[in-house]
């Protein structure tokens, strides 16, 4: 399955495959960013041989993602999307036998310069990433582990 589908707003491409000749668990990585090496290792430890496809761009709905999963035979989704879309995925994915995972990321620090953020990232490059925020701030996050998302809900109270 070595292909890239490019439209004006969506791209689908293979980004990782375990180097063994046996059936692989297909994972759809829905994000602008590719997985960190530590995330790939975690998924391989959990599922054995894996094949990761990245869906990036303007994803319009949870149903759209599920349709891709069905076309590709994907049973695991790792979404980096708005919570409202993740909530909808978690609602409909189990009906199709699909698991939705959440990547737990711990914030390591907030930095004024990219150089300082790069230095901190370089201490553990396999599991750290940098996110640039408005105002010229750089945050370094470190991958902790994956969780299966069972539900997304709001707990409200009067104020």
Protein backbone atom coordinates (compact mmCIF):
# COMPACT_ATOMS: atom_id res chain seq x y z
CA UNK A 1 0.00 0.00 0.00
CA UNK A 2 2.50 2.62 -1.19
CA UNK A 3 0.56 5.58 -2.49
CA UNK A 4 -0.20 9.20 -1.86
CA UNK A 5 -3.57 10.70 -2.61
CA UNK A 6 -3.46 14.45 -2.93
CA UNK A 7 -6.42 16.70 -3.46
CA UNK A 8 -6.65 20.41 -2.88
CA UNK A 9 -7.33 19.88 0.80
CA UNK A 10 -6.49 16.27 1.77
CA UNK A 11 -3.39 14.12 1.66
CA UNK A 12 -3.11 10.41 2.48
CA UNK A 13 0.32 8.80 2.61
CA UNK A 14 2.07 5.82 4.17
CA UNK A 15 4.55 6.97 6.80
CA UNK A 16 5.70 3.80 8.56
CA UNK A 17 5.56 0.03 8.15
CA UNK A 18 7.12 -2.56 10.45
CA UNK A 19 9.86 -4.34 8.52
CA UNK A 20 8.50 -7.88 8.77
CA UNK A 21 6.58 -10.01 6.32
CA UNK A 22 3.42 -10.77 8.26
CA UNK A 23 -0.04 -9.25 8.61
CA UNK A 24 0.07 -5.72 9.98
CA UNK A 25 -2.40 -3.72 12.04
CA UNK A 26 -3.38 -0.69 9.96
CA UNK A 27 -3.38 2.62 11.86
CA UNK A 28 -4.76 5.91 10.53
CA UNK A 29 -2.79 8.86 11.92
CA UNK A 30 -5.02 11.93 11.47
CA UNK A 31 -2.70 14.89 12.03
CA UNK A 32 -0.52 17.49 10.35
CA UNK A 33 2.46 16.02 12.22
CA UNK A 34 4.00 12.58 11.81
CA UNK A 35 4.32 10.31 14.86
CA UNK A 36 7.40 10.46 17.04
CA UNK A 37 9.69 7.39 17.08
CA UNK A 38 8.60 6.68 20.69
CA UNK A 39 4.95 6.69 19.59
CA UNK A 40 5.70 4.21 16.80
CA UNK A 41 7.57 1.93 19.24
CA UNK A 42 4.64 2.07 21.69
CA UNK A 43 2.18 1.10 18.95
CA UNK A 44 4.40 -1.78 17.81
CA UNK A 45 4.72 -3.05 21.38
CA UNK A 46 0.93 -3.00 21.72
CA UNK A 47 -0.14 -4.26 18.27
CA UNK A 48 2.91 -6.06 16.86
CA UNK A 49 3.56 -5.39 13.18
CA UNK A 50 1.91 -2.13 12.11
CA UNK A 51 1.37 0.04 9.06
CA UNK A 52 0.71 3.75 9.67
CA UNK A 53 -1.08 5.91 7.11
CA UNK A 54 -1.27 9.66 7.67
CA UNK A 55 -4.39 11.59 6.73
CA UNK A 56 -3.75 15.31 6.82
CA UNK A 57 -5.36 18.46 5.55
CA UNK A 58 -8.89 19.75 5.92
CA UNK A 59 -10.80 16.81 7.38
CA UNK A 60 -14.47 17.75 7.22
CA UNK A 61 -16.12 15.22 9.53
CA UNK A 62 -15.75 12.12 11.65
CA UNK A 63 -17.84 10.23 9.09
CA UNK A 64 -15.28 11.14 6.42
CA UNK A 65 -12.50 9.61 8.56
CA UNK A 66 -14.55 6.45 9.16
CA UNK A 67 -15.14 6.08 5.40
CA UNK A 68 -11.37 6.17 4.84
CA UNK A 69 -10.90 3.57 7.57
CA UNK A 70 -13.39 1.27 5.89
CA UNK A 71 -11.75 1.72 2.46
CA UNK A 72 -8.28 1.04 3.87
CA UNK A 73 -9.13 -1.70 6.37
CA UNK A 74 -8.00 0.45 9.29
CA UNK A 75 -8.97 -0.60 12.82
CA UNK A 76 -7.06 2.03 14.84
CA UNK A 77 -7.32 5.85 14.59
CA UNK A 78 -4.99 8.33 16.29
CA UNK A 79 -6.66 11.73 15.80
CA UNK A 80 -5.14 15.13 16.50
CA UNK A 81 -8.37 17.03 15.89
CA UNK A 82 -10.82 19.32 17.67
CA UNK A 83 -12.50 17.60 20.63
CA UNK A 84 -15.92 17.90 18.99
CA UNK A 85 -14.71 15.78 16.07
CA UNK A 86 -12.97 13.30 18.38
CA UNK A 87 -16.22 12.99 20.37
CA UNK A 88 -18.10 12.11 17.18
CA UNK A 89 -15.40 9.61 16.17
CA UNK A 90 -15.65 7.92 19.56
CA UNK A 91 -19.42 7.71 19.11
CA UNK A 92 -19.37 6.08 15.67
CA UNK A 93 -16.03 4.22 15.45
CA UNK A 94 -16.94 1.30 17.79
CA UNK A 95 -19.92 0.48 15.54
CA UNK A 96 -17.37 -0.21 12.79
CA UNK A 97 -14.98 -2.13 15.07
CA UNK A 98 -12.53 0.78 15.15
CA UNK A 99 -10.53 1.90 18.21
CA UNK A 100 -9.72 5.60 18.78
CA UNK A 101 -6.50 6.40 20.66
CA UNK A 102 -5.31 9.53 22.47
CA UNK A 103 -1.62 10.39 22.63
CA UNK A 104 -0.86 11.67 26.13
CA UNK A 105 1.73 14.46 25.87
CA UNK A 106 3.33 16.14 28.90
CA UNK A 107 4.43 19.76 28.59
CA UNK A 108 8.14 20.04 29.40
CA UNK A 109 8.43 23.81 29.15
CA UNK A 110 7.61 27.11 27.45
CA UNK A 111 10.47 28.98 25.80
CA UNK A 112 11.01 32.42 24.31
CA UNK A 113 13.45 31.20 21.64
CA UNK A 114 13.34 28.32 19.22
CA UNK A 115 17.00 27.61 19.98
CA UNK A 116 16.24 26.99 23.67
CA UNK A 117 13.26 24.79 22.74
CA UNK A 118 15.47 22.84 20.31
CA UNK A 119 18.06 22.30 23.05
CA UNK A 120 15.43 20.85 25.40
CA UNK A 121 13.96 18.71 22.61
CA UNK A 122 17.44 17.36 21.79
CA UNK A 123 17.67 15.86 25.29
CA UNK A 124 15.05 13.25 24.25
CA UNK A 125 14.43 13.65 20.49
CA UNK A 126 12.70 10.26 20.15
CA UNK A 127 9.80 11.39 22.34
CA UNK A 128 9.78 15.20 22.28
CA UNK A 129 8.33 17.73 19.87
CA UNK A 130 8.11 21.52 19.62
CA UNK A 131 4.89 23.45 19.04
CA UNK A 132 5.08 27.14 18.14
CA UNK A 133 2.32 29.33 19.56
CA UNK A 134 1.27 32.87 18.73
CA UNK A 135 3.33 35.51 20.42
CA UNK A 136 6.58 33.74 19.54
CA UNK A 137 6.41 31.14 22.32
CA UNK A 138 7.69 27.61 21.84
CA UNK A 139 6.41 24.70 23.91
CA UNK A 140 8.15 21.37 24.20
CA UNK A 141 5.95 18.33 24.73
CA UNK A 142 7.00 14.78 25.56
CA UNK A 143 5.08 11.66 24.62
CA UNK A 144 3.96 9.62 27.65
CA UNK A 145 1.66 6.88 26.30
CA UNK A 146 -1.52 6.15 24.36
CA UNK A 147 -4.97 5.76 25.88
CA UNK A 148 -8.09 4.28 24.33
CA UNK A 149 -10.73 7.02 24.24
CA UNK A 150 -13.98 5.68 25.65
CA UNK A 151 -15.92 8.97 25.76
CA UNK A 152 -15.60 12.73 25.44
CA UNK A 153 -18.01 14.70 27.57
CA UNK A 154 -18.51 18.12 29.13
CA UNK A 155 -19.27 18.44 32.81
CA UNK A 156 -21.04 21.75 33.42
CA UNK A 157 -22.29 23.69 36.41
CA UNK A 158 -24.21 26.90 36.86
CA UNK A 159 -22.21 30.00 37.68
